[in-house]
C-alpha cells in the first residue's frame, strides 16, 4: 500500500496524485489518501513537506518522496516489495 499525504487546495498534491495513478495501477497497488490537516499528529510531522508519499501506513511507512513524485524511487520500492512479498 502507498499512502499519499495531502491537503486541500494543494496544486502539488494534485500533481503528485495524477502522476502516481499510472504507477499504482501498473503495480496493482492501492493508494490511500490522507488529509494531514485532519490529523494533527501528521500535520506536525509532515506539514511542511506535503505532499508526501509513503510506502506503507503513516505510523510505520517509509517516505519515498515529497513535493514532487520521484517515479524512479517509487518504481524501485514497489519492485523490491514485489520480490519480498
Protein backbone atom coordinates (compact mmCIF):
# COMPACT_ATOMS: atom_id res chain seq x y z
CA UNK A 1 0.00 0.00 0.00
CA UNK A 2 1.06 3.55 -0.72
CA UNK A 3 -0.11 6.45 1.41
CA UNK A 4 -0.34 9.93 -0.08
CA UNK A 5 -0.45 12.71 2.49
CA UNK A 6 -2.21 15.74 1.07
CA UNK A 7 -4.16 18.84 1.96
CA UNK A 8 -6.99 20.72 0.29
CA UNK A 9 -6.16 23.34 -2.33
CA UNK A 10 -2.64 21.99 -2.86
CA UNK A 11 -1.59 22.03 -6.50
CA UNK A 12 1.49 19.91 -5.75
CA UNK A 13 -0.81 17.32 -4.16
CA UNK A 14 -2.95 17.26 -7.30
CA UNK A 15 0.14 16.84 -9.47
CA UNK A 16 1.54 14.01 -7.37
CA UNK A 17 -1.84 12.23 -7.26
CA UNK A 18 -2.16 12.41 -11.04
CA UNK A 19 1.44 11.31 -11.70
CA UNK A 20 1.16 8.43 -9.23
CA UNK A 21 -2.05 6.95 -10.65
CA UNK A 22 -0.49 5.10 -13.59
CA UNK A 23 2.37 3.69 -11.50
CA UNK A 24 -0.02 2.41 -8.83
CA UNK A 25 -2.24 0.84 -11.49
CA UNK A 26 0.70 -0.83 -13.21
CA UNK A 27 1.82 -2.41 -9.92
CA UNK A 28 -1.69 -3.22 -8.70
CA UNK A 29 -1.15 -1.27 -5.51
CA UNK A 30 -3.74 0.75 -3.61
CA UNK A 31 -3.15 4.39 -2.75
CA UNK A 32 -4.69 5.63 0.49
CA UNK A 33 -5.00 9.39 0.63
CA UNK A 34 -4.98 11.21 3.96
CA UNK A 35 -5.55 14.93 4.53
CA UNK A 36 -2.85 15.95 7.02
CA UNK A 37 -4.91 18.89 8.21
CA UNK A 38 -7.49 16.45 9.63
CA UNK A 39 -4.80 14.68 11.68
CA UNK A 40 -2.78 16.99 13.98
CA UNK A 41 -0.04 14.39 14.56
CA UNK A 42 0.52 14.04 10.80
CA UNK A 43 0.37 17.79 10.27
CA UNK A 44 3.03 18.26 12.97
CA UNK A 45 5.26 15.60 11.43
CA UNK A 46 4.80 16.21 7.69
CA UNK A 47 3.05 19.59 7.33
CA UNK A 48 5.88 21.47 5.62
CA UNK A 49 6.64 18.57 3.27
CA UNK A 50 3.16 17.91 1.84
CA UNK A 51 2.53 16.18 -0.44
CA UNK A 52 4.36 13.18 0.98
CA UNK A 53 4.26 9.67 -0.46
CA UNK A 54 4.87 6.76 1.91
CA UNK A 55 5.30 3.07 1.27
CA UNK A 56 3.00 1.72 3.96
CA UNK A 57 0.94 3.47 6.60
CA UNK A 58 1.91 6.78 8.24
CA UNK A 59 2.78 5.10 11.53
CA UNK A 60 5.49 2.87 10.10
CA UNK A 61 5.76 3.72 6.41
CA UNK A 62 8.89 4.66 4.54
CA UNK A 63 8.94 8.10 2.91
CA UNK A 64 9.52 7.72 -0.82
CA UNK A 65 9.28 11.37 -1.83
CA UNK A 66 7.74 14.73 -1.02
CA UNK A 67 6.73 17.84 -3.03
CA UNK A 68 7.17 16.08 -6.40
CA UNK A 69 6.81 12.44 -7.40
CA UNK A 70 10.12 10.61 -7.65
CA UNK A 71 8.90 7.95 -10.08
CA UNK A 72 12.20 6.07 -10.02
CA UNK A 73 12.14 5.77 -6.21
CA UNK A 74 8.52 4.62 -6.25
CA UNK A 75 9.15 2.08 -9.01
CA UNK A 76 12.20 0.72 -7.17
CA UNK A 77 10.34 0.43 -3.85
CA UNK A 78 7.41 -1.35 -5.48
CA UNK A 79 9.76 -3.70 -7.35
CA UNK A 80 11.53 -4.56 -4.06
CA UNK A 81 8.16 -5.12 -2.41
CA UNK A 82 7.20 -7.47 -5.23
CA UNK A 83 10.36 -9.54 -4.76
CA UNK A 84 9.90 -9.69 -0.99
CA UNK A 85 6.20 -10.35 -0.72
